[in-house]
Amino acid sequence: MTLEKFENEINTLKKFFNIYCNDKHQNRDKKEYVIPYKEKTFTLEVCLCNECHNLLNYAISKLQECPNDPKPRCRNCASPCYEKEKYKKMAKMMRYSGMKLGLTKAAKRLKNFFKKS
């Protein structure tokens, strides 16, 4: 996986986890992740609950170890590496955040449309 693809993947995880945890959980703590990948180090700062921090850490470790190039979507992977329970939690979080993100984008487009009219 290229550095750009890896950075895009971890930024997507950050965005989705922030949306999900902000809406669903209390007692969030800010944590900084220093993520080495190939010859570069990435830094993420997120404010999540302990459960989401643990799942994000797991997801990042699986992303770092992904042997596929190009990396497929995890649900389309021929040899999935996620444990079944963690996969279910990730799928639930991604589904919720993806829907919310999609609805937010649609609402912004509608607002912009009516501002122009």
PDB file of N, CA and C in Angstrom:
ATOM      1  N   MET A   1       0.850  -1.170   0.000  1.00  0.00           N
ATOM      2  CA  MET A   1       0.000   0.000   0.000  1.00  0.00           C
ATOM      3  C   MET A   1       0.898   1.236   0.000  1.00  0.00           C
ATOM      4  N   THR A   2       0.515   2.229  -0.778  1.00  0.00           N
ATOM      5  CA  THR A   2       1.316   3.445  -0.851  1.00  0.00           C
ATOM      6  C   THR A   2       1.154   4.261   0.427  1.00  0.00           C
ATOM      7  N   LEU A   3       2.088   5.170   0.662  1.00  0.00           N
ATOM      8  CA  LEU A   3       2.000   6.044   1.834  1.00  0.00           C
ATOM      9  C   LEU A   3       0.736   6.903   1.778  1.00  0.00           C
ATOM     10  N   GLU A   4       0.394   7.381   0.586  1.00  0.00           N
ATOM     11  CA  GLU A   4      -0.802   8.213   0.430  1.00  0.00           C
ATOM     12  C   GLU A   4      -2.065   7.429   0.768  1.00  0.00           C
ATOM     13  N   LYS A   5      -2.128   6.181   0.296  1.00  0.00           N
ATOM     14  CA  LYS A   5      -3.282   5.320   0.580  1.00  0.00           C
ATOM     15  C   LYS A   5      -3.363   5.031   2.076  1.00  0.00           C
ATOM     16  N   PHE A   6      -2.227   4.754   2.705  1.00  0.00           N
ATOM     17  CA  PHE A   6      -2.209   4.484   4.140  1.00  0.00           C
ATOM     18  C   PHE A   6      -2.693   5.711   4.913  1.00  0.00           C
ATOM     19  N   GLU A   7      -2.190   6.888   4.544  1.00  0.00           N
ATOM     20  CA  GLU A   7      -2.600   8.119   5.234  1.00  0.00           C
ATOM     21  C   GLU A   7      -4.100   8.362   5.050  1.00  0.00           C
ATOM     22  N   ASN A   8      -4.594   8.114   3.863  1.00  0.00           N
ATOM     23  CA  ASN A   8      -6.027   8.258   3.609  1.00  0.00           C
ATOM     24  C   ASN A   8      -6.832   7.294   4.478  1.00  0.00           C
ATOM     25  N   GLU A   9      -6.360   6.068   4.594  1.00  0.00           N
ATOM     26  CA  GLU A   9      -7.051   5.055   5.400  1.00  0.00           C
ATOM     27  C   GLU A   9      -7.095   5.449   6.883  1.00  0.00           C
ATOM     28  N   ILE A  10      -5.970   5.907   7.440  1.00  0.00           N
ATOM     29  CA  ILE A  10      -5.984   6.262   8.868  1.00  0.00           C
ATOM     30  C   ILE A  10      -6.798   7.534   9.110  1.00  0.00           C
ATOM     31  N   ASN A  11      -6.812   8.460   8.163  1.00  0.00           N
ATOM     32  CA  ASN A  11      -7.640   9.655   8.317  1.00  0.00           C
ATOM     33  C   ASN A  11      -9.129   9.317   8.229  1.00  0.00           C
ATOM     34  N   THR A  12      -9.464   8.354   7.398  1.00  0.00           N
ATOM     35  CA  THR A  12     -10.848   7.886   7.317  1.00  0.00           C
ATOM     36  C   THR A  12     -11.246   7.228   8.630  1.00  0.00           C
ATOM     37  N   LEU A  13     -10.378   6.389   9.177  1.00  0.00           N
ATOM     38  CA  LEU A  13     -10.662   5.772  10.474  1.00  0.00           C
ATOM     39  C   LEU A  13     -10.884   6.838  11.542  1.00  0.00           C
ATOM     40  N   LYS A  14     -10.027   7.837  11.567  1.00  0.00           N
ATOM     41  CA  LYS A  14     -10.149   8.916  12.556  1.00  0.00           C
ATOM     42  C   LYS A  14     -11.505   9.600  12.428  1.00  0.00           C
ATOM     43  N   LYS A  15     -11.873   9.951  11.212  1.00  0.00           N
ATOM     44  CA  LYS A  15     -13.139  10.654  10.971  1.00  0.00           C
ATOM     45  C   LYS A  15     -14.325   9.797  11.410  1.00  0.00           C
ATOM     46  N   PHE A  16     -14.319   8.529  11.020  1.00  0.00           N
ATOM     47  CA  PHE A  16     -15.434   7.647  11.349  1.00  0.00           C
ATOM     48  C   PHE A  16     -15.521   7.376  12.848  1.00  0.00           C
ATOM     49  N   PHE A  17     -14.400   7.129  13.494  1.00  0.00           N
ATOM     50  CA  PHE A  17     -14.411   6.896  14.941  1.00  0.00           C
ATOM     51  C   PHE A  17     -14.884   8.141  15.693  1.00  0.00           C
ATOM     52  N   ASN A  18     -14.436   9.319  15.274  1.00  0.00           N
ATOM     53  CA  ASN A  18     -14.865  10.554  15.935  1.00  0.00           C
ATOM     54  C   ASN A  18     -16.376  10.720  15.862  1.00  0.00           C
ATOM     55  N   ILE A  19     -16.953  10.497  14.694  1.00  0.00           N
ATOM     56  CA  ILE A  19     -18.399  10.627  14.532  1.00  0.00           C
ATOM     57  C   ILE A  19     -19.128   9.639  15.429  1.00  0.00           C
ATOM     58  N   TYR A  20     -18.730   8.380  15.352  1.00  0.00           N
ATOM     59  CA  TYR A  20     -19.416   7.324  16.102  1.00  0.00           C
ATOM     60  C   TYR A  20     -19.302   7.534  17.609  1.00  0.00           C
ATOM     61  N   CYS A  21     -18.104   7.721  18.093  1.00  0.00           N
ATOM     62  CA  CYS A  21     -17.887   7.817  19.538  1.00  0.00           C
ATOM     63  C   CYS A  21     -18.511   9.094  20.106  1.00  0.00           C
ATOM     64  N   ASN A  22     -18.433  10.172  19.367  1.00  0.00           N
ATOM     65  CA  ASN A  22     -19.021  11.432  19.821  1.00  0.00           C
ATOM     66  C   ASN A  22     -20.532  11.293  20.011  1.00  0.00           C
ATOM     67  N   ASP A  23     -21.189  10.536  19.120  1.00  0.00           N
ATOM     68  CA  ASP A  23     -22.635  10.359  19.209  1.00  0.00           C
ATOM     69  C   ASP A  23     -23.063   9.282  20.205  1.00  0.00           C
ATOM     70  N   LYS A  24     -22.239   8.269  20.403  1.00  0.00           N
ATOM     71  CA  LYS A  24     -22.680   7.089  21.144  1.00  0.00           C
ATOM     72  C   LYS A  24     -22.105   6.933  22.552  1.00  0.00           C
ATOM     73  N   HIS A  25     -20.965   7.538  22.844  1.00  0.00           N
ATOM     74  CA  HIS A  25     -20.277   7.237  24.104  1.00  0.00           C
ATOM     75  C   HIS A  25     -19.966   8.483  24.931  1.00  0.00           C
ATOM     76  N   GLN A  26     -19.769   8.249  26.202  1.00  0.00           N
ATOM     77  CA  GLN A  26     -19.385   9.294  27.151  1.00  0.00           C
ATOM     78  C   GLN A  26     -17.937   9.057  27.584  1.00  0.00           C
ATOM     79  N   ASN A  27     -17.428   9.921  28.442  1.00  0.00           N
ATOM     80  CA  ASN A  27     -16.091   9.759  29.044  1.00  0.00           C
ATOM     81  C   ASN A  27     -15.000   9.530  28.013  1.00  0.00           C
ATOM     82  N   ARG A  28     -14.878  10.462  27.100  1.00  0.00           N
ATOM     83  CA  ARG A  28     -13.856  10.349  26.070  1.00  0.00           C
ATOM     84  C   ARG A  28     -12.574  11.033  26.531  1.00  0.00           C
ATOM     85  N   ASP A  29     -11.449  10.436  26.146  1.00  0.00           N
ATOM     86  CA  ASP A  29     -10.132  10.975  26.465  1.00  0.00           C
ATOM     87  C   ASP A  29      -9.369  11.223  25.172  1.00  0.00           C
ATOM     88  N   LYS A  30      -8.598  12.297  25.174  1.00  0.00           N
ATOM     89  CA  LYS A  30      -7.765  12.604  24.008  1.00  0.00           C
ATOM     90  C   LYS A  30      -6.509  11.755  24.071  1.00  0.00           C
ATOM     91  N   LYS A  31      -6.146  11.197  22.931  1.00  0.00           N
ATOM     92  CA  LYS A  31      -4.952  10.367  22.845  1.00  0.00           C
ATOM     93  C   LYS A  31      -4.274  10.616  21.508  1.00  0.00           C
ATOM     94  N   GLU A  32      -2.955  10.593  21.534  1.00  0.00           N
ATOM     95  CA  GLU A  32      -2.191  10.766  20.309  1.00  0.00           C
ATOM     96  C   GLU A  32      -1.622   9.423  19.886  1.00  0.00           C
ATOM     97  N   TYR A  33      -1.816   9.097  18.625  1.00  0.00           N
ATOM     98  CA  TYR A  33      -1.270   7.866  18.059  1.00  0.00           C
ATOM     99  C   TYR A  33      -0.095   8.232  17.158  1.00  0.00           C
ATOM    100  N   VAL A  34       1.029   7.597  17.398  1.00  0.00           N
ATOM    101  CA  VAL A  34       2.203   7.744  16.539  1.00  0.00           C
ATOM    102  C   VAL A  34       2.295   6.426  15.772  1.00  0.00           C
ATOM    103  N   ILE A  35       2.109   6.521  14.453  1.00  0.00           N
ATOM    104  CA  ILE A  35       1.938   5.332  13.635  1.00  0.00           C
ATOM    105  C   ILE A  35       3.055   5.228  12.597  1.00  0.00           C
ATOM    106  N   PRO A  36       3.993   4.316  12.813  1.00  0.00           N
ATOM    107  CA  PRO A  36       5.028   4.117  11.792  1.00  0.00           C
ATOM    108  C   PRO A  36       4.489   3.259  10.653  1.00  0.00           C
ATOM    109  N   TYR A  37       4.816   3.668   9.439  1.00  0.00           N
ATOM    110  CA  TYR A  37       4.466   2.863   8.272  1.00  0.00           C
ATOM    111  C   TYR A  37       5.523   3.084   7.210  1.00  0.00           C
ATOM    112  N   LYS A  38       6.145   2.010   6.811  1.00  0.00           N
ATOM    113  CA  LYS A  38       7.268   2.055   5.877  1.00  0.00           C
ATOM    114  C   LYS A  38       8.299   3.060   6.387  1.00  0.00           C
ATOM    115  N   GLU A  39       8.660   4.059   5.586  1.00  0.00           N
ATOM    116  CA  GLU A  39       9.705   5.001   6.024  1.00  0.00           C
ATOM    117  C   GLU A  39       9.138   6.280   6.632  1.00  0.00           C
ATOM    118  N   LYS A  40       7.829   6.333   6.901  1.00  0.00           N
ATOM    119  CA  LYS A  40       7.205   7.546   7.413  1.00  0.00           C
ATOM    120  C   LYS A  40       6.478   7.270   8.720  1.00  0.00           C
ATOM    121  N   THR A  41       6.332   8.313   9.528  1.00  0.00           N
ATOM    122  CA  THR A  41       5.571   8.213  10.768  1.00  0.00           C
ATOM    123  C   THR A  41       4.401   9.189  10.685  1.00  0.00           C
ATOM    124  N   PHE A  42       3.217   8.694  10.981  1.00  0.00           N
ATOM    125  CA  PHE A  42       2.003   9.500  10.963  1.00  0.00           C
ATOM    126  C   PHE A  42       1.554   9.746  12.393  1.00  0.00           C
ATOM    127  N   THR A  43       0.883  10.869  12.615  1.00  0.00           N
ATOM    128  CA  THR A  43       0.377  11.194  13.940  1.00  0.00           C
ATOM    129  C   THR A  43      -1.113  11.499  13.834  1.00  0.00           C
ATOM    130  N   LEU A  44      -1.880  10.864  14.709  1.00  0.00           N
ATOM    131  CA  LEU A  44      -3.316  11.123  14.809  1.00  0.00           C
ATOM    132  C   LEU A  44      -3.629  11.532  16.236  1.00  0.00           C
ATOM    133  N   GLU A  45      -4.465  12.525  16.388  1.00  0.00           N
ATOM    134  CA  GLU A  45      -4.938  12.903  17.712  1.00  0.00           C
ATOM    135  C   GLU A  45      -6.447  12.764  17.708  1.00  0.00           C
ATOM    136  N   VAL A  46      -6.967  11.923  18.594  1.00  0.00           N
ATOM    137  CA  VAL A  46      -8.406  11.668  18.644  1.00  0.00           C
ATOM    138  C   VAL A  46      -8.896  11.660  20.079  1.00  0.00           C
ATOM    139  N   CYS A  47     -10.161  11.995  20.233  1.00  0.00           N
ATOM    140  CA  CYS A  47     -10.804  12.006  21.544  1.00  0.00           C
ATOM    141  C   CYS A  47     -11.907  10.947  21.513  1.00  0.00           C
ATOM    142  N   LEU A  48     -11.627   9.803  22.143  1.00  0.00           N
ATOM    143  CA  LEU A  48     -12.533   8.662  22.109  1.00  0.00           C
ATOM    144  C   LEU A  48     -12.669   8.043  23.494  1.00  0.00           C
ATOM    145  N   CYS A  49     -13.680   7.199  23.664  1.00  0.00           N
ATOM    146  CA  CYS A  49     -13.806   6.407  24.897  1.00  0.00           C
ATOM    147  C   CYS A  49     -12.781   5.268  24.842  1.00  0.00           C
ATOM    148  N   ASN A  50     -12.613   4.566  25.952  1.00  0.00           N
ATOM    149  CA  ASN A  50     -11.630   3.473  26.009  1.00  0.00           C
ATOM    150  C   ASN A  50     -11.934   2.366  25.009  1.00  0.00           C
ATOM    151  N   GLU A  51     -13.210   2.005  24.867  1.00  0.00           N
ATOM    152  CA  GLU A  51     -13.585   0.937  23.941  1.00  0.00           C
ATOM    153  C   GLU A  51     -13.210   1.309  22.500  1.00  0.00           C
ATOM    154  N   CYS A  52     -13.495   2.556  22.114  1.00  0.00           N
ATOM    155  CA  CYS A  52     -13.175   2.998  20.757  1.00  0.00           C
ATOM    156  C   CYS A  52     -11.667   3.151  20.559  1.00  0.00           C
ATOM    157  N   HIS A  53     -10.955   3.605  21.604  1.00  0.00           N
ATOM    158  CA  HIS A  53      -9.492   3.666  21.502  1.00  0.00           C
ATOM    159  C   HIS A  53      -8.922   2.271  21.241  1.00  0.00           C
ATOM    160  N   ASN A  54      -9.436   1.283  21.964  1.00  0.00           N
ATOM    161  CA  ASN A  54      -8.948  -0.091  21.784  1.00  0.00           C
ATOM    162  C   ASN A  54      -9.235  -0.604  20.373  1.00  0.00           C
ATOM    163  N   LEU A  55     -10.431  -0.325  19.873  1.00  0.00           N
ATOM    164  CA  LEU A  55     -10.790  -0.792  18.533  1.00  0.00           C
ATOM    165  C   LEU A  55      -9.994  -0.047  17.458  1.00  0.00           C
ATOM    166  N   LEU A  56      -9.783   1.254  17.644  1.00  0.00           N
ATOM    167  CA  LEU A  56      -8.977   2.020  16.692  1.00  0.00           C
ATOM    168  C   LEU A  56      -7.541   1.508  16.670  1.00  0.00           C
ATOM    169  N   ASN A  57      -6.989   1.241  17.827  1.00  0.00           N
ATOM    170  CA  ASN A  57      -5.628   0.707  17.918  1.00  0.00           C
ATOM    171  C   ASN A  57      -5.533  -0.634  17.183  1.00  0.00           C
ATOM    172  N   TYR A  58      -6.537  -1.478  17.357  1.00  0.00           N
ATOM    173  CA  TYR A  58      -6.588  -2.769  16.674  1.00  0.00           C
ATOM    174  C   TYR A  58      -6.661  -2.566  15.157  1.00  0.00           C
ATOM    175  N   ALA A  59      -7.525  -1.657  14.722  1.00  0.00           N
ATOM    176  CA  ALA A  59      -7.696  -1.391  13.290  1.00  0.00           C
ATOM    177  C   ALA A  59      -6.405  -0.866  12.666  1.00  0.00           C
ATOM    178  N   ILE A  60      -5.720   0.017  13.377  1.00  0.00           N
ATOM    179  CA  ILE A  60      -4.456   0.555  12.869  1.00  0.00           C
ATOM    180  C   ILE A  60      -3.415  -0.553  12.742  1.00  0.00           C
ATOM    181  N   SER A  61      -3.348  -1.423  13.746  1.00  0.00           N
ATOM    182  CA  SER A  61      -2.364  -2.512  13.681  1.00  0.00           C
ATOM    183  C   SER A  61      -2.657  -3.445  12.505  1.00  0.00           C
ATOM    184  N   LYS A  62      -3.924  -3.719  12.247  1.00  0.00           N
ATOM    185  CA  LYS A  62      -4.285  -4.571  11.110  1.00  0.00           C
ATOM    186  C   LYS A  62      -3.982  -3.875   9.781  1.00  0.00           C
ATOM    187  N   LEU A  63      -4.196  -2.574   9.743  1.00  0.00           N
ATOM    188  CA  LEU A  63      -3.890  -1.800   8.538  1.00  0.00           C
ATOM    189  C   LEU A  63      -2.392  -1.806   8.253  1.00  0.00           C
ATOM    190  N   GLN A  64      -1.584  -1.663   9.302  1.00  0.00           N
ATOM    191  CA  GLN A  64      -0.125  -1.690   9.135  1.00  0.00           C
ATOM    192  C   GLN A  64       0.358  -3.033   8.609  1.00  0.00           C
ATOM    193  N   GLU A  65      -0.318  -4.105   8.985  1.00  0.00           N
ATOM    194  CA  GLU A  65       0.112  -5.456   8.622  1.00  0.00           C
ATOM    195  C   GLU A  65      -0.529  -5.979   7.338  1.00  0.00           C
ATOM    196  N   CYS A  66      -1.411  -5.198   6.717  1.00  0.00           N
ATOM    197  CA  CYS A  66      -2.148  -5.682   5.545  1.00  0.00           C
ATOM    198  C   CYS A  66      -1.171  -6.105   4.443  1.00  0.00           C
ATOM    199  N   PRO A  67      -1.233  -7.380   4.017  1.00  0.00           N
ATOM    200  CA  PRO A  67      -0.306  -7.875   3.003  1.00  0.00           C
ATOM    201  C   PRO A  67      -0.759  -7.585   1.565  1.00  0.00           C
ATOM    202  N   ASN A  68      -1.999  -7.122   1.407  1.00  0.00           N
ATOM    203  CA  ASN A  68      -2.550  -6.922   0.062  1.00  0.00           C
ATOM    204  C   ASN A  68      -2.092  -5.609  -0.560  1.00  0.00           C
ATOM    205  N   ASP A  69      -1.773  -5.672  -1.836  1.00  0.00           N
ATOM    206  CA  ASP A  69      -1.413  -4.469  -2.575  1.00  0.00           C
ATOM    207  C   ASP A  69      -1.954  -4.593  -3.995  1.00  0.00           C
ATOM    208  N   PRO A  70      -2.978  -3.866  -4.347  1.00  0.00           N
ATOM    209  CA  PRO A  70      -3.615  -2.812  -3.566  1.00  0.00           C
ATOM    210  C   PRO A  70      -4.526  -3.387  -2.487  1.00  0.00           C
ATOM    211  N   LYS A  71      -4.717  -2.600  -1.434  1.00  0.00           N
ATOM    212  CA  LYS A  71      -5.550  -3.031  -0.312  1.00  0.00           C
ATOM    213  C   LYS A  71      -7.021  -2.988  -0.713  1.00  0.00           C
ATOM    214  N   PRO A  72      -7.716  -4.125  -0.563  1.00  0.00           N
ATOM    215  CA  PRO A  72      -9.160  -4.114  -0.854  1.00  0.00           C
ATOM    216  C   PRO A  72      -9.927  -3.599   0.363  1.00  0.00           C
ATOM    217  N   ARG A  73     -11.197  -3.356   0.204  1.00  0.00           N
ATOM    218  CA  ARG A  73     -12.021  -3.075   1.374  1.00  0.00           C
ATOM    219  C   ARG A  73     -12.055  -4.348   2.201  1.00  0.00           C
ATOM    220  N   CYS A  74     -12.056  -4.189   3.500  1.00  0.00           N
ATOM    221  CA  CYS A  74     -11.978  -5.375   4.363  1.00  0.00           C
ATOM    222  C   CYS A  74     -13.126  -6.350   4.103  1.00  0.00           C
ATOM    223  N   ARG A  75     -14.310  -5.832   3.814  1.00  0.00           N
ATOM    224  CA  ARG A  75     -15.446  -6.738   3.576  1.00  0.00           C
ATOM    225  C   ARG A  75     -15.292  -7.525   2.275  1.00  0.00           C
ATOM    226  N   ASN A  76     -14.412  -7.067   1.374  1.00  0.00           N
ATOM    227  CA  ASN A  76     -14.173  -7.765   0.111  1.00  0.00           C
ATOM    228  C   ASN A  76     -12.892  -8.578   0.112  1.00  0.00           C
ATOM    229  N   CYS A  77     -12.204  -8.639   1.228  1.00  0.00           N
ATOM    230  CA  CYS A  77     -10.908  -9.302   1.309  1.00  0.00           C
ATOM    231  C   CYS A  77     -11.061 -10.828   1.241  1.00  0.00           C
ATOM    232  N   ALA A  78     -10.196 -11.441   0.456  1.00  0.00           N
ATOM    233  CA  ALA A  78     -10.214 -12.905   0.314  1.00  0.00           C
ATOM    234  C   ALA A  78      -9.671 -13.598   1.561  1.00  0.00           C
ATOM    235  N   SER A  79      -8.784 -12.924   2.300  1.00  0.00           N
ATOM    236  CA  SER A  79      -8.228 -13.513   3.523  1.00  0.00           C
ATOM    237  C   SER A  79      -8.337 -12.502   4.678  1.00  0.00           C
ATOM    238  N   PRO A  80      -9.530 -12.357   5.266  1.00  0.00           N
ATOM    239  CA  PRO A  80      -9.741 -11.357   6.318  1.00  0.00           C
ATOM    240  C   PRO A  80      -8.876 -11.622   7.544  1.00  0.00           C
ATOM    241  N   CYS A  81      -8.347 -10.545   8.125  1.00  0.00           N
ATOM    242  CA  CYS A  81      -7.463 -10.682   9.279  1.00  0.00           C
ATOM    243  C   CYS A  81      -8.142 -10.275  10.593  1.00  0.00           C
ATOM    244  N   TYR A  82      -9.307  -9.633  10.512  1.00  0.00           N
ATOM    245  CA  TYR A  82     -10.000  -9.209  11.727  1.00  0.00           C
ATOM    246  C   TYR A  82     -10.622 -10.392  12.447  1.00  0.00           C
ATOM    247  N   GLU A  83     -10.568 -10.367  13.787  1.00  0.00           N
ATOM    248  CA  GLU A  83     -11.324 -11.329  14.575  1.00  0.00           C
ATOM    249  C   GLU A  83     -12.803 -11.035  14.334  1.00  0.00           C
ATOM    250  N   LYS A  84     -13.630 -12.058  14.380  1.00  0.00           N
ATOM    251  CA  LYS A  84     -15.034 -11.910  14.021  1.00  0.00           C
ATOM    252  C   LYS A  84     -15.753 -10.837  14.845  1.00  0.00           C
ATOM    253  N   GLU A  85     -15.564 -10.827  16.158  1.00  0.00           N
ATOM    254  CA  GLU A  85     -16.248  -9.854  17.009  1.00  0.00           C
ATOM    255  C   GLU A  85     -15.781  -8.425  16.717  1.00  0.00           C
ATOM    256  N   LYS A  86     -14.498  -8.264  16.507  1.00  0.00           N
ATOM    257  CA  LYS A  86     -13.979  -6.924  16.206  1.00  0.00           C
ATOM    258  C   LYS A  86     -14.444  -6.473  14.830  1.00  0.00           C
ATOM    259  N   TYR A  87     -14.557  -7.399  13.899  1.00  0.00           N
ATOM    260  CA  TYR A  87     -15.067  -7.071  12.572  1.00  0.00           C
ATOM    261  C   TYR A  87     -16.507  -6.568  12.679  1.00  0.00           C
ATOM    262  N   LYS A  88     -17.316  -7.239  13.495  1.00  0.00           N
ATOM    263  CA  LYS A  88     -18.713  -6.825  13.678  1.00  0.00           C
ATOM    264  C   LYS A  88     -18.788  -5.417  14.276  1.00  0.00           C
ATOM    265  N   LYS A  89     -17.944  -5.139  15.256  1.00  0.00           N
ATOM    266  CA  LYS A  89     -17.925  -3.806  15.870  1.00  0.00           C
ATOM    267  C   LYS A  89     -17.493  -2.749  14.862  1.00  0.00           C
ATOM    268  N   MET A  90     -16.470  -3.063  14.078  1.00  0.00           N
ATOM    269  CA  MET A  90     -15.997  -2.123  13.055  1.00  0.00           C
ATOM    270  C   MET A  90     -17.084  -1.881  12.006  1.00  0.00           C
ATOM    271  N   ALA A  91     -17.752  -2.940  11.583  1.00  0.00           N
ATOM    272  CA  ALA A  91     -18.798  -2.804  10.566  1.00  0.00           C
ATOM    273  C   ALA A  91     -19.938  -1.930  11.091  1.00  0.00           C
ATOM    274  N   LYS A  92     -20.309  -2.117  12.339  1.00  0.00           N
ATOM    275  CA  LYS A  92     -21.368  -1.315  12.953  1.00  0.00           C
ATOM    276  C   LYS A  92     -20.964   0.156  13.002  1.00  0.00           C
ATOM    277  N   MET A  93     -19.735   0.413  13.428  1.00  0.00           N
ATOM    278  CA  MET A  93     -19.237   1.779  13.531  1.00  0.00           C
ATOM    279  C   MET A  93     -19.140   2.428  12.151  1.00  0.00           C
ATOM    280  N   MET A  94     -18.604   1.710  11.177  1.00  0.00           N
ATOM    281  CA  MET A  94     -18.441   2.256   9.828  1.00  0.00           C
ATOM    282  C   MET A  94     -19.809   2.509   9.172  1.00  0.00           C
ATOM    283  N   ARG A  95     -20.742   1.614   9.378  1.00  0.00           N
ATOM    284  CA  ARG A  95     -22.079   1.785   8.808  1.00  0.00           C
ATOM    285  C   ARG A  95     -22.745   3.042   9.382  1.00  0.00           C
ATOM    286  N   TYR A  96     -22.700   3.184  10.711  1.00  0.00           N
ATOM    287  CA  TYR A  96     -23.307   4.342  11.366  1.00  0.00           C
ATOM    288  C   TYR A  96     -22.649   5.640  10.898  1.00  0.00           C
ATOM    289  N   SER A  97     -21.337   5.687  10.954  1.00  0.00           N
ATOM    290  CA  SER A  97     -20.612   6.907  10.600  1.00  0.00           C
ATOM    291  C   SER A  97     -20.757   7.237   9.124  1.00  0.00           C
ATOM    292  N   GLY A  98     -20.734   6.218   8.282  1.00  0.00           N
ATOM    293  CA  GLY A  98     -20.884   6.432   6.853  1.00  0.00           C
ATOM    294  C   GLY A  98     -22.243   7.022   6.515  1.00  0.00           C
ATOM    295  N   MET A  99     -23.291   6.502   7.155  1.00  0.00           N
ATOM    296  CA  MET A  99     -24.635   7.042   6.941  1.00  0.00           C
ATOM    297  C   MET A  99     -24.714   8.484   7.417  1.00  0.00           C
ATOM    298  N   LYS A 100     -24.182   8.731   8.600  1.00  0.00           N
ATOM    299  CA  LYS A 100     -24.239  10.081   9.156  1.00  0.00           C
ATOM    300  C   LYS A 100     -23.429  11.051   8.296  1.00  0.00           C
ATOM    301  N   LEU A 101     -22.266  10.622   7.850  1.00  0.00           N
ATOM    302  CA  LEU A 101     -21.427  11.472   7.007  1.00  0.00           C
ATOM    303  C   LEU A 101     -22.122  11.751   5.679  1.00  0.00           C
ATOM    304  N   GLY A 102     -22.749  10.740   5.118  1.00  0.00           N
ATOM    305  CA  GLY A 102     -23.477  10.918   3.869  1.00  0.00           C
ATOM    306  C   GLY A 102     -24.652  11.866   4.020  1.00  0.00           C
ATOM    307  N   LEU A 103     -25.375  11.746   5.123  1.00  0.00           N
ATOM    308  CA  LEU A 103     -26.507  12.629   5.370  1.00  0.00           C
ATOM    309  C   LEU A 103     -26.042  14.057   5.619  1.00  0.00           C
ATOM    310  N   THR A 104     -24.905  14.217   6.279  1.00  0.00           N
ATOM    311  CA  THR A 104     -24.356  15.548   6.532  1.00  0.00           C
ATOM    312  C   THR A 104     -23.981  16.224   5.219  1.00  0.00           C
ATOM    313  N   LYS A 105     -23.351  15.478   4.319  1.00  0.00           N
ATOM    314  CA  LYS A 105     -22.976  16.039   3.018  1.00  0.00           C
ATOM    315  C   LYS A 105     -24.213  16.432   2.223  1.00  0.00           C
ATOM    316  N   ALA A 106     -25.236  15.590   2.267  1.00  0.00           N
ATOM    317  CA  ALA A 106     -26.472  15.897   1.538  1.00  0.00           C
ATOM    318  C   ALA A 106     -27.129  17.156   2.107  1.00  0.00           C
ATOM    319  N   ALA A 107     -27.136  17.290   3.424  1.00  0.00           N
ATOM    320  CA  ALA A 107     -27.726  18.472   4.053  1.00  0.00           C
ATOM    321  C   ALA A 107     -26.963  19.738   3.663  1.00  0.00           C
ATOM    322  N   LYS A 108     -25.637  19.656   3.608  1.00  0.00           N
ATOM    323  CA  LYS A 108     -24.836  20.816   3.203  1.00  0.00           C
ATOM    324  C   LYS A 108     -25.140  21.209   1.761  1.00  0.00           C
ATOM    325  N   ARG A 109     -25.288  20.215   0.888  1.00  0.00           N
ATOM    326  CA  ARG A 109     -25.613  20.503  -0.511  1.00  0.00           C
ATOM    327  C   ARG A 109     -26.969  21.195  -0.623  1.00  0.00           C
ATOM    328  N   LEU A 110     -27.939  20.709   0.159  1.00  0.00           N
ATOM    329  CA  LEU A 110     -29.266  21.326   0.130  1.00  0.00           C
ATOM    330  C   LEU A 110     -29.209  22.776   0.631  1.00  0.00           C
ATOM    331  N   LYS A 111     -28.467  23.006   1.708  1.00  0.00           N
ATOM    332  CA  LYS A 111     -28.337  24.369   2.222  1.00  0.00           C
ATOM    333  C   LYS A 111     -27.704  25.279   1.191  1.00  0.00           C
ATOM    334  N   ASN A 112     -26.656  24.802   0.545  1.00  0.00           N
ATOM    335  CA  ASN A 112     -25.997  25.599  -0.494  1.00  0.00           C
ATOM    336  C   ASN A 112     -26.926  25.851  -1.678  1.00  0.00           C
ATOM    337  N   PHE A 113     -27.724  24.868  -2.031  1.00  0.00           N
ATOM    338  CA  PHE A 113     -28.667  25.014  -3.134  1.00  0.00           C
ATOM    339  C   PHE A 113     -29.677  26.115  -2.831  1.00  0.00           C
ATOM    340  N   PHE A 114     -30.220  26.105  -1.616  1.00  0.00           N
ATOM    341  CA  PHE A 114     -31.235  27.107  -1.266  1.00  0.00           C
ATOM    342  C   PHE A 114     -30.642  28.479  -1.007  1.00  0.00           C
ATOM    343  N   LYS A 115     -29.372  28.553  -0.649  1.00  0.00           N
ATOM    344  CA  LYS A 115     -28.705  29.844  -0.499  1.00  0.00           C
ATOM    345  C   LYS A 115     -28.558  30.529  -1.845  1.00  0.00           C
ATOM    346  N   LYS A 116     -28.298  29.739  -2.886  1.00  0.00           N
ATOM    347  CA  LYS A 116     -28.089  30.280  -4.242  1.00  0.00           C
ATOM    348  C   LYS A 116     -29.416  30.741  -4.862  1.00  0.00           C
ATOM    349  N   SER A 117     -30.509  30.140  -4.438  1.00  0.00           N
ATOM    350  CA  SER A 117     -31.818  30.455  -5.045  1.00  0.00           C
ATOM    351  C   SER A 117     -32.358  31.776  -4.605  1.00  0.00           C
TER     352      SER A 117
END
